[in-house]
Amino acid sequence: AAKVLSITQSAVSQRLRSLEAQVGQPL
């Protein structure tokens, strides 16, 4: 996922955690 988005794996994890925090549920 990081490769296709041209970002780091850490950035993918951070954005996912932020989205999960927004909805209050694991995705």
PDB file of all heavy atoms in Angstrom:
ATOM      1  N   ALA A   1       0.838  -1.207   0.000  1.00  0.00           N
ATOM      2  CA  ALA A   1       0.000   0.000   0.000  1.00  0.00           C
ATOM      3  C   ALA A   1       0.868   1.251   0.000  1.00  0.00           C
ATOM      4  O   ALA A   1       0.576   2.235  -0.685  1.00  0.00           O
ATOM      5  CB  ALA A   1      -0.933  -0.004   1.205  1.00  0.00           C
ATOM      6  N   ALA A   2       1.950   1.227   0.777  1.00  0.00           N
ATOM      7  CA  ALA A   2       2.858   2.374   0.827  1.00  0.00           C
ATOM      8  C   ALA A   2       3.488   2.624  -0.534  1.00  0.00           C
ATOM      9  O   ALA A   2       3.649   3.774  -0.962  1.00  0.00           O
ATOM     10  CB  ALA A   2       3.935   2.131   1.878  1.00  0.00           C
ATOM     11  N   LYS A   3       3.834   1.556  -1.247  1.00  0.00           N
ATOM     12  CA  LYS A   3       4.456   1.717  -2.565  1.00  0.00           C
ATOM     13  C   LYS A   3       3.505   2.360  -3.563  1.00  0.00           C
ATOM     14  O   LYS A   3       3.897   3.259  -4.312  1.00  0.00           O
ATOM     15  CB  LYS A   3       4.925   0.349  -3.083  1.00  0.00           C
ATOM     16  CG  LYS A   3       6.165  -0.174  -2.394  1.00  0.00           C
ATOM     17  CD  LYS A   3       6.603  -1.502  -2.991  1.00  0.00           C
ATOM     18  CE  LYS A   3       7.866  -2.020  -2.319  1.00  0.00           C
ATOM     19  NZ  LYS A   3       8.287  -3.337  -2.871  1.00  0.00           N
ATOM     20  N   VAL A   4       2.237   1.902  -3.609  1.00  0.00           N
ATOM     21  CA  VAL A   4       1.317   2.462  -4.599  1.00  0.00           C
ATOM     22  C   VAL A   4       0.946   3.900  -4.255  1.00  0.00           C
ATOM     23  O   VAL A   4       0.633   4.698  -5.155  1.00  0.00           O
ATOM     24  CB  VAL A   4       0.045   1.596  -4.757  1.00  0.00           C
ATOM     25  CG1 VAL A   4       0.398   0.197  -5.201  1.00  0.00           C
ATOM     26  CG2 VAL A   4      -0.788   1.564  -3.482  1.00  0.00           C
ATOM     27  N   LEU A   5       0.989   4.247  -2.967  1.00  0.00           N
ATOM     28  CA  LEU A   5       0.651   5.612  -2.564  1.00  0.00           C
ATOM     29  C   LEU A   5       1.876   6.532  -2.550  1.00  0.00           C
ATOM     30  O   LEU A   5       1.736   7.741  -2.324  1.00  0.00           O
ATOM     31  CB  LEU A   5       0.013   5.606  -1.172  1.00  0.00           C
ATOM     32  CG  LEU A   5      -1.359   4.929  -1.062  1.00  0.00           C
ATOM     33  CD1 LEU A   5      -1.788   4.819   0.400  1.00  0.00           C
ATOM     34  CD2 LEU A   5      -2.410   5.697  -1.859  1.00  0.00           C
ATOM     35  N   SER A   6       3.054   5.934  -2.741  1.00  0.00           N
ATOM     36  CA  SER A   6       4.319   6.693  -2.737  1.00  0.00           C
ATOM     37  C   SER A   6       4.548   7.406  -1.409  1.00  0.00           C
ATOM     38  O   SER A   6       4.969   8.578  -1.358  1.00  0.00           O
ATOM     39  CB  SER A   6       4.357   7.708  -3.899  1.00  0.00           C
ATOM     40  OG  SER A   6       4.270   7.041  -5.137  1.00  0.00           O
ATOM     41  N   ILE A   7       4.254   6.709  -0.313  1.00  0.00           N
ATOM     42  CA  ILE A   7       4.522   7.213   1.025  1.00  0.00           C
ATOM     43  C   ILE A   7       5.175   6.084   1.815  1.00  0.00           C
ATOM     44  O   ILE A   7       5.324   4.968   1.320  1.00  0.00           O
ATOM     45  CB  ILE A   7       3.234   7.703   1.743  1.00  0.00           C
ATOM     46  CG1 ILE A   7       2.211   6.560   1.840  1.00  0.00           C
ATOM     47  CG2 ILE A   7       2.637   8.914   1.022  1.00  0.00           C
ATOM     48  CD1 ILE A   7       0.934   6.949   2.592  1.00  0.00           C
ATOM     49  N   THR A   8       5.569   6.352   3.049  1.00  0.00           N
ATOM     50  CA  THR A   8       6.207   5.332   3.870  1.00  0.00           C
ATOM     51  C   THR A   8       5.156   4.448   4.548  1.00  0.00           C
ATOM     52  O   THR A   8       3.988   4.837   4.688  1.00  0.00           O
ATOM     53  CB  THR A   8       7.077   5.972   4.960  1.00  0.00           C
ATOM     54  OG1 THR A   8       6.226   6.703   5.862  1.00  0.00           O
ATOM     55  CG2 THR A   8       8.111   6.916   4.344  1.00  0.00           C
ATOM     56  N   GLN A   9       5.594   3.248   4.966  1.00  0.00           N
ATOM     57  CA  GLN A   9       4.693   2.378   5.721  1.00  0.00           C
ATOM     58  C   GLN A   9       4.227   3.059   7.001  1.00  0.00           C
ATOM     59  O   GLN A   9       3.080   2.891   7.419  1.00  0.00           O
ATOM     60  CB  GLN A   9       5.393   1.060   6.065  1.00  0.00           C
ATOM     61  CG  GLN A   9       5.662   0.163   4.880  1.00  0.00           C
ATOM     62  CD  GLN A   9       6.219  -1.179   5.314  1.00  0.00           C
ATOM     63  OE1 GLN A   9       5.616  -1.874   6.122  1.00  0.00           O
ATOM     64  NE2 GLN A   9       7.375  -1.538   4.768  1.00  0.00           N
ATOM     65  N   SER A  10       5.122   3.809   7.628  1.00  0.00           N
ATOM     66  CA  SER A  10       4.763   4.527   8.848  1.00  0.00           C
ATOM     67  C   SER A  10       3.635   5.524   8.591  1.00  0.00           C
ATOM     68  O   SER A  10       2.712   5.664   9.410  1.00  0.00           O
ATOM     69  CB  SER A  10       5.989   5.249   9.406  1.00  0.00           C
ATOM     70  OG  SER A  10       5.647   6.026  10.533  1.00  0.00           O
ATOM     71  N   ALA A  11       3.689   6.190   7.432  1.00  0.00           N
ATOM     72  CA  ALA A  11       2.639   7.153   7.093  1.00  0.00           C
ATOM     73  C   ALA A  11       1.310   6.440   6.859  1.00  0.00           C
ATOM     74  O   ALA A  11       0.240   6.946   7.248  1.00  0.00           O
ATOM     75  CB  ALA A  11       3.037   7.956   5.865  1.00  0.00           C
ATOM     76  N   VAL A  12       1.352   5.266   6.213  1.00  0.00           N
ATOM     77  CA  VAL A  12       0.127   4.488   6.012  1.00  0.00           C
ATOM     78  C   VAL A  12      -0.484   4.121   7.359  1.00  0.00           C
ATOM     79  O   VAL A  12      -1.691   4.287   7.588  1.00  0.00           O
ATOM     80  CB  VAL A  12       0.413   3.214   5.179  1.00  0.00           C
ATOM     81  CG1 VAL A  12      -0.834   2.324   5.128  1.00  0.00           C
ATOM     82  CG2 VAL A  12       0.843   3.579   3.775  1.00  0.00           C
ATOM     83  N   SER A  13       0.346   3.626   8.283  1.00  0.00           N
ATOM     84  CA  SER A  13      -0.145   3.235   9.610  1.00  0.00           C
ATOM     85  C   SER A  13      -0.719   4.431  10.354  1.00  0.00           C
ATOM     86  O   SER A  13      -1.765   4.333  11.001  1.00  0.00           O
ATOM     87  CB  SER A  13       0.992   2.608  10.424  1.00  0.00           C
ATOM     88  OG  SER A  13       1.452   1.428   9.826  1.00  0.00           O
ATOM     89  N   GLN A  14      -0.031   5.563  10.249  1.00  0.00           N
ATOM     90  CA  GLN A  14      -0.489   6.758  10.952  1.00  0.00           C
ATOM     91  C   GLN A  14      -1.835   7.240  10.417  1.00  0.00           C
ATOM     92  O   GLN A  14      -2.737   7.587  11.192  1.00  0.00           O
ATOM     93  CB  GLN A  14       0.567   7.859  10.828  1.00  0.00           C
ATOM     94  CG  GLN A  14       0.266   9.110  11.645  1.00  0.00           C
ATOM     95  CD  GLN A  14       1.388  10.125  11.563  1.00  0.00           C
ATOM     96  OE1 GLN A  14       2.219  10.083  10.660  1.00  0.00           O
ATOM     97  NE2 GLN A  14       1.429  11.043  12.528  1.00  0.00           N
ATOM     98  N   ARG A  15      -1.978   7.245   9.083  1.00  0.00           N
ATOM     99  CA  ARG A  15      -3.252   7.700   8.495  1.00  0.00           C
ATOM    100  C   ARG A  15      -4.388   6.737   8.827  1.00  0.00           C
ATOM    101  O   ARG A  15      -5.517   7.167   9.065  1.00  0.00           O
ATOM    102  CB  ARG A  15      -3.091   7.849   6.980  1.00  0.00           C
ATOM    103  CG  ARG A  15      -2.168   8.976   6.581  1.00  0.00           C
ATOM    104  CD  ARG A  15      -2.006   9.082   5.063  1.00  0.00           C
ATOM    105  NE  ARG A  15      -1.012  10.072   4.699  1.00  0.00           N
ATOM    106  CZ  ARG A  15      -0.696  10.397   3.459  1.00  0.00           C
ATOM    107  NH1 ARG A  15      -1.308   9.797   2.434  1.00  0.00           N
ATOM    108  NH2 ARG A  15       0.228  11.308   3.219  1.00  0.00           N
ATOM    109  N   LEU A  16      -4.082   5.441   8.841  1.00  0.00           N
ATOM    110  CA  LEU A  16      -5.115   4.469   9.199  1.00  0.00           C
ATOM    111  C   LEU A  16      -5.534   4.637  10.655  1.00  0.00           C
ATOM    112  O   LEU A  16      -6.732   4.623  10.964  1.00  0.00           O
ATOM    113  CB  LEU A  16      -4.607   3.049   8.958  1.00  0.00           C
ATOM    114  CG  LEU A  16      -5.576   1.936   9.371  1.00  0.00           C
ATOM    115  CD1 LEU A  16      -6.854   1.996   8.527  1.00  0.00           C
ATOM    116  CD2 LEU A  16      -4.918   0.569   9.242  1.00  0.00           C
ATOM    117  N   ARG A  17      -4.562   4.816  11.554  1.00  0.00           N
ATOM    118  CA  ARG A  17      -4.898   5.013  12.968  1.00  0.00           C
ATOM    119  C   ARG A  17      -5.743   6.266  13.165  1.00  0.00           C
ATOM    120  O   ARG A  17      -6.680   6.295  13.970  1.00  0.00           O
ATOM    121  CB  ARG A  17      -3.622   5.097  13.800  1.00  0.00           C
ATOM    122  CG  ARG A  17      -2.947   3.758  14.049  1.00  0.00           C
ATOM    123  CD  ARG A  17      -1.944   3.844  15.193  1.00  0.00           C
ATOM    124  NE  ARG A  17      -0.878   4.793  14.905  1.00  0.00           N
ATOM    125  CZ  ARG A  17       0.267   4.483  14.289  1.00  0.00           C
ATOM    126  NH1 ARG A  17       0.479   3.222  13.922  1.00  0.00           N
ATOM    127  NH2 ARG A  17       1.185   5.396  14.078  1.00  0.00           N
ATOM    128  N   SER A  18      -5.421   7.299  12.407  1.00  0.00           N
ATOM    129  CA  SER A  18      -6.192   8.543  12.508  1.00  0.00           C
ATOM    130  C   SER A  18      -7.633   8.324  12.061  1.00  0.00           C
ATOM    131  O   SER A  18      -8.578   8.814  12.702  1.00  0.00           O
ATOM    132  CB  SER A  18      -5.532   9.624  11.655  1.00  0.00           C
ATOM    133  OG  SER A  18      -6.296  10.815  11.653  1.00  0.00           O
ATOM    134  N   LEU A  19      -7.804   7.566  10.973  1.00  0.00           N
ATOM    135  CA  LEU A  19      -9.150   7.277  10.478  1.00  0.00           C
ATOM    136  C   LEU A  19      -9.908   6.403  11.478  1.00  0.00           C
ATOM    137  O   LEU A  19     -11.102   6.630  11.734  1.00  0.00           O
ATOM    138  CB  LEU A  19      -9.071   6.595   9.112  1.00  0.00           C
ATOM    139  CG  LEU A  19     -10.388   6.346   8.376  1.00  0.00           C
ATOM    140  CD1 LEU A  19     -11.095   7.671   8.069  1.00  0.00           C
ATOM    141  CD2 LEU A  19     -10.137   5.574   7.081  1.00  0.00           C
ATOM    142  N   GLU A  20      -9.234   5.417  12.051  1.00  0.00           N
ATOM    143  CA  GLU A  20      -9.871   4.553  13.052  1.00  0.00           C
ATOM    144  C   GLU A  20     -10.272   5.362  14.278  1.00  0.00           C
ATOM    145  O   GLU A  20     -11.323   5.117  14.887  1.00  0.00           O
ATOM    146  CB  GLU A  20      -8.926   3.414  13.438  1.00  0.00           C
ATOM    147  CG  GLU A  20      -8.757   2.373  12.339  1.00  0.00           C
ATOM    148  CD  GLU A  20      -7.777   1.280  12.694  1.00  0.00           C
ATOM    149  OE1 GLU A  20      -6.790   1.577  13.408  1.00  0.00           O
ATOM    150  OE2 GLU A  20      -7.985   0.122  12.273  1.00  0.00           O
ATOM    151  N   ALA A  21      -9.445   6.358  14.652  1.00  0.00           N
ATOM    152  CA  ALA A  21      -9.785   7.211  15.786  1.00  0.00           C
ATOM    153  C   ALA A  21     -11.008   8.060  15.479  1.00  0.00           C
ATOM    154  O   ALA A  21     -11.850   8.305  16.359  1.00  0.00           O
ATOM    155  CB  ALA A  21      -8.586   8.099  16.129  1.00  0.00           C
ATOM    156  N   GLN A  22     -11.125   8.493  14.214  1.00  0.00           N
ATOM    157  CA  GLN A  22     -12.288   9.294  13.830  1.00  0.00           C
ATOM    158  C   GLN A  22     -13.590   8.527  13.974  1.00  0.00           C
ATOM    159  O   GLN A  22     -14.600   9.073  14.423  1.00  0.00           O
ATOM    160  CB  GLN A  22     -12.139   9.766  12.382  1.00  0.00           C
ATOM    161  CG  GLN A  22     -11.290  11.006  12.190  1.00  0.00           C
ATOM    162  CD  GLN A  22     -11.402  11.519  10.778  1.00  0.00           C
ATOM    163  OE1 GLN A  22     -10.833  10.961   9.856  1.00  0.00           O
ATOM    164  NE2 GLN A  22     -12.157  12.593  10.606  1.00  0.00           N
ATOM    165  N   VAL A  23     -13.584   7.262  13.560  1.00  0.00           N
ATOM    166  CA  VAL A  23     -14.827   6.479  13.593  1.00  0.00           C
ATOM    167  C   VAL A  23     -14.962   5.677  14.877  1.00  0.00           C
ATOM    168  O   VAL A  23     -16.023   5.120  15.157  1.00  0.00           O
ATOM    169  CB  VAL A  23     -14.908   5.531  12.374  1.00  0.00           C
ATOM    170  CG1 VAL A  23     -14.914   6.327  11.088  1.00  0.00           C
ATOM    171  CG2 VAL A  23     -13.769   4.521  12.364  1.00  0.00           C
ATOM    172  N   GLY A  24     -13.879   5.609  15.668  1.00  0.00           N
ATOM    173  CA  GLY A  24     -13.942   4.920  16.945  1.00  0.00           C
ATOM    174  C   GLY A  24     -14.037   3.413  16.849  1.00  0.00           C
ATOM    175  O   GLY A  24     -14.513   2.756  17.781  1.00  0.00           O
ATOM    176  N   GLN A  25     -13.577   2.863  15.724  1.00  0.00           N
ATOM    177  CA  GLN A  25     -13.650   1.416  15.532  1.00  0.00           C
ATOM    178  C   GLN A  25     -12.445   0.949  14.731  1.00  0.00           C
ATOM    179  O   GLN A  25     -11.942   1.690  13.880  1.00  0.00           O
ATOM    180  CB  GLN A  25     -14.922   1.029  14.760  1.00  0.00           C
ATOM    181  CG  GLN A  25     -16.215   1.379  15.461  1.00  0.00           C
ATOM    182  CD  GLN A  25     -17.417   0.943  14.642  1.00  0.00           C
ATOM    183  OE1 GLN A  25     -17.527  -0.213  14.234  1.00  0.00           O
ATOM    184  NE2 GLN A  25     -18.320   1.878  14.379  1.00  0.00           N
ATOM    185  N   PRO A  26     -11.971  -0.289  14.968  1.00  0.00           N
ATOM    186  CA  PRO A  26     -10.907  -0.833  14.126  1.00  0.00           C
ATOM    187  C   PRO A  26     -11.436  -1.090  12.725  1.00  0.00           C
ATOM    188  O   PRO A  26     -12.574  -1.532  12.543  1.00  0.00           O
ATOM    189  CB  PRO A  26     -10.509  -2.131  14.835  1.00  0.00           C
ATOM    190  CG  PRO A  26     -11.717  -2.518  15.626  1.00  0.00           C
ATOM    191  CD  PRO A  26     -12.368  -1.230  16.035  1.00  0.00           C
ATOM    192  N   LEU A  27     -10.612  -0.810  11.741  1.00  0.00           N
ATOM    193  CA  LEU A  27     -11.023  -0.955  10.350  1.00  0.00           C
ATOM    194  C   LEU A  27     -10.282  -2.085   9.632  1.00  0.00           C
ATOM    195  O   LEU A  27     -10.767  -2.570   8.608  1.00  0.00           O
ATOM    196  CB  LEU A  27     -10.784   0.362   9.600  1.00  0.00           C
ATOM    197  CG  LEU A  27     -11.500   1.591  10.172  1.00  0.00           C
ATOM    198  CD1 LEU A  27     -11.098   2.840   9.399  1.00  0.00           C
ATOM    199  CD2 LEU A  27     -13.008   1.398  10.163  1.00  0.00           C
TER     200      LEU A  27
END
